[in-house]
Amino acid sequence: MSVLSPLEIIMLLCFGAAWPFSIWKSYTSRSNAGKSFWFLLVIFIGYVAGTLHKLFYSFDAVIWLYVLNGAMVFVDMLLYARNAAIVRSSCVTTISSHHVKARAGGKKMGRAKNSV
């Protein structure tokens, strides 16, 4: 067992404090505006690497902060996937409803032939 590093603990607590807000925003907005899946993935890989380092080279109680932060990032990644599906579904629904409305009127979309 190694000695706990107060600076490492402070760093992980500060990073960890931001994730609940990010998760709440993702959950309530149902949008990925301002988010990047690749950014989330890089952060997640960093937390996994930190966890593995603690597990194999420097085991102490700080490992639980890495696990907790990694879990929160993973939840945000799942919400990113959910929100992408919601946005994709709403785009298809919108396009389909516009197409149905245009066909129901019997008119083609676009310019009239004899317009000046």
Protein backbone atom coordinates (compact mmCIF):
# COMPACT_ATOMS: atom_id res chain seq x y z
CA MET A 1 0.00 0.00 0.00
CA SER A 2 1.25 3.42 -0.89
CA VAL A 3 0.70 6.71 0.89
CA LEU A 4 -2.39 8.61 -0.26
CA SER A 5 -1.57 11.61 -2.39
CA PRO A 6 -3.61 14.64 -1.31
CA LEU A 7 -2.99 16.41 -4.65
CA GLU A 8 -4.22 13.37 -6.61
CA ILE A 9 -7.31 13.22 -4.41
CA ILE A 10 -8.04 16.93 -4.94
CA MET A 11 -7.58 16.55 -8.71
CA LEU A 12 -9.98 13.60 -8.88
CA LEU A 13 -12.55 15.30 -6.64
CA CYS A 14 -12.47 18.44 -8.81
CA PHE A 15 -12.83 16.47 -12.04
CA GLY A 16 -15.47 14.27 -10.44
CA ALA A 17 -17.52 17.28 -9.29
CA ALA A 18 -18.19 18.26 -12.93
CA TRP A 19 -19.57 14.92 -14.14
CA PRO A 20 -22.91 14.91 -12.28
CA PHE A 21 -23.74 18.28 -13.91
CA SER A 22 -22.75 16.96 -17.33
CA ILE A 23 -24.85 13.83 -16.81
CA TRP A 24 -27.85 15.88 -15.65
CA LYS A 25 -27.56 18.17 -18.69
CA SER A 26 -27.34 15.18 -21.04
CA TYR A 27 -30.30 13.48 -19.40
CA THR A 28 -32.63 16.49 -19.28
CA SER A 29 -31.75 18.19 -22.58
CA ARG A 30 -31.96 15.00 -24.67
CA SER A 31 -29.37 16.65 -26.90
CA ASN A 32 -25.64 16.30 -27.54
CA ALA A 33 -25.10 19.98 -28.23
CA GLY A 34 -21.64 20.99 -27.07
CA LYS A 35 -20.51 17.40 -26.47
CA SER A 36 -18.07 15.14 -28.25
CA PHE A 37 -18.19 11.36 -28.01
CA TRP A 38 -14.45 11.19 -28.80
CA PHE A 39 -13.66 13.56 -25.93
CA LEU A 40 -15.71 11.41 -23.55
CA LEU A 41 -13.94 8.30 -24.83
CA VAL A 42 -10.47 9.81 -24.28
CA ILE A 43 -11.41 10.84 -20.73
CA PHE A 44 -12.86 7.37 -20.04
CA ILE A 45 -9.66 5.69 -21.29
CA GLY A 46 -7.68 8.00 -18.98
CA TYR A 47 -9.73 6.92 -15.97
CA VAL A 48 -9.37 3.25 -16.92
CA ALA A 49 -5.59 3.73 -17.21
CA GLY A 50 -5.51 5.47 -13.81
CA THR A 51 -7.52 2.64 -12.27
CA LEU A 52 -5.22 0.00 -13.75
CA HIS A 53 -2.14 1.88 -12.54
CA LYS A 54 -3.59 1.99 -9.01
CA LEU A 55 -4.53 -1.67 -9.22
CA PHE A 56 -1.15 -2.96 -10.40
CA TYR A 57 1.47 -0.44 -9.23
CA SER A 58 0.22 1.86 -6.48
CA PHE A 59 -2.86 0.37 -4.84
CA ASP A 60 -4.61 2.61 -2.33
CA ALA A 61 -8.08 3.92 -1.55
CA VAL A 62 -7.80 6.59 -4.29
CA ILE A 63 -8.61 3.82 -6.78
CA TRP A 64 -12.29 4.29 -5.85
CA LEU A 65 -12.21 7.90 -7.08
CA TYR A 66 -10.90 6.67 -10.43
CA VAL A 67 -13.63 4.02 -10.57
CA LEU A 68 -16.36 6.52 -9.60
CA ASN A 69 -15.21 9.13 -12.14
CA GLY A 70 -14.86 6.48 -14.85
CA ALA A 71 -18.37 5.22 -14.11
CA MET A 72 -19.79 8.75 -14.39
CA VAL A 73 -18.05 9.28 -17.73
CA PHE A 74 -19.39 5.94 -18.93
CA VAL A 75 -22.94 6.99 -17.96
CA ASP A 76 -22.43 10.23 -19.92
CA MET A 77 -21.28 8.15 -22.92
CA LEU A 78 -24.45 6.03 -22.69
CA LEU A 79 -26.56 9.20 -22.54
CA TYR A 80 -24.68 10.53 -25.58
CA ALA A 81 -25.71 7.38 -27.50
CA ARG A 82 -29.31 7.70 -26.26
CA ASN A 83 -29.48 11.36 -27.23
CA ALA A 84 -28.03 10.66 -30.68
CA ALA A 85 -30.77 8.07 -31.22
CA ILE A 86 -33.44 10.54 -30.06
CA VAL A 87 -32.17 13.24 -32.41
CA ARG A 88 -31.90 10.77 -35.30
CA SER A 89 -35.44 9.53 -34.63
CA SER A 90 -36.88 13.05 -34.47
CA CYS A 91 -35.14 13.97 -37.76
CA VAL A 92 -36.64 10.93 -39.51
CA THR A 93 -40.07 11.71 -38.07
CA THR A 94 -39.85 15.33 -39.19
CA ILE A 95 -38.73 14.42 -42.71
CA SER A 96 -41.44 11.75 -42.96
CA SER A 97 -44.19 14.12 -41.82
CA HIS A 98 -43.08 16.79 -44.32
CA HIS A 99 -43.07 14.20 -47.08
CA VAL A 100 -46.58 12.99 -46.15
CA LYS A 101 -47.94 16.56 -46.04
CA ALA A 102 -46.47 17.35 -49.46
CA ARG A 103 -47.92 14.18 -51.01
CA ALA A 104 -51.33 14.71 -49.39
CA GLY A 105 -51.69 18.09 -51.07
CA GLY A 106 -50.99 16.55 -54.45
CA LYS A 107 -48.45 19.25 -55.23
CA LYS A 108 -44.79 18.80 -55.94
CA MET A 109 -42.36 20.79 -53.90
CA GLY A 110 -40.29 23.40 -55.71
CA ARG A 111 -40.82 26.19 -58.25
CA ALA A 112 -43.86 26.39 -60.50
CA LYS A 113 -43.11 25.85 -64.21
CA ASN A 114 -44.49 29.19 -65.45
CA SER A 115 -43.21 31.46 -62.74
CA VAL A 116 -41.53 34.70 -63.74
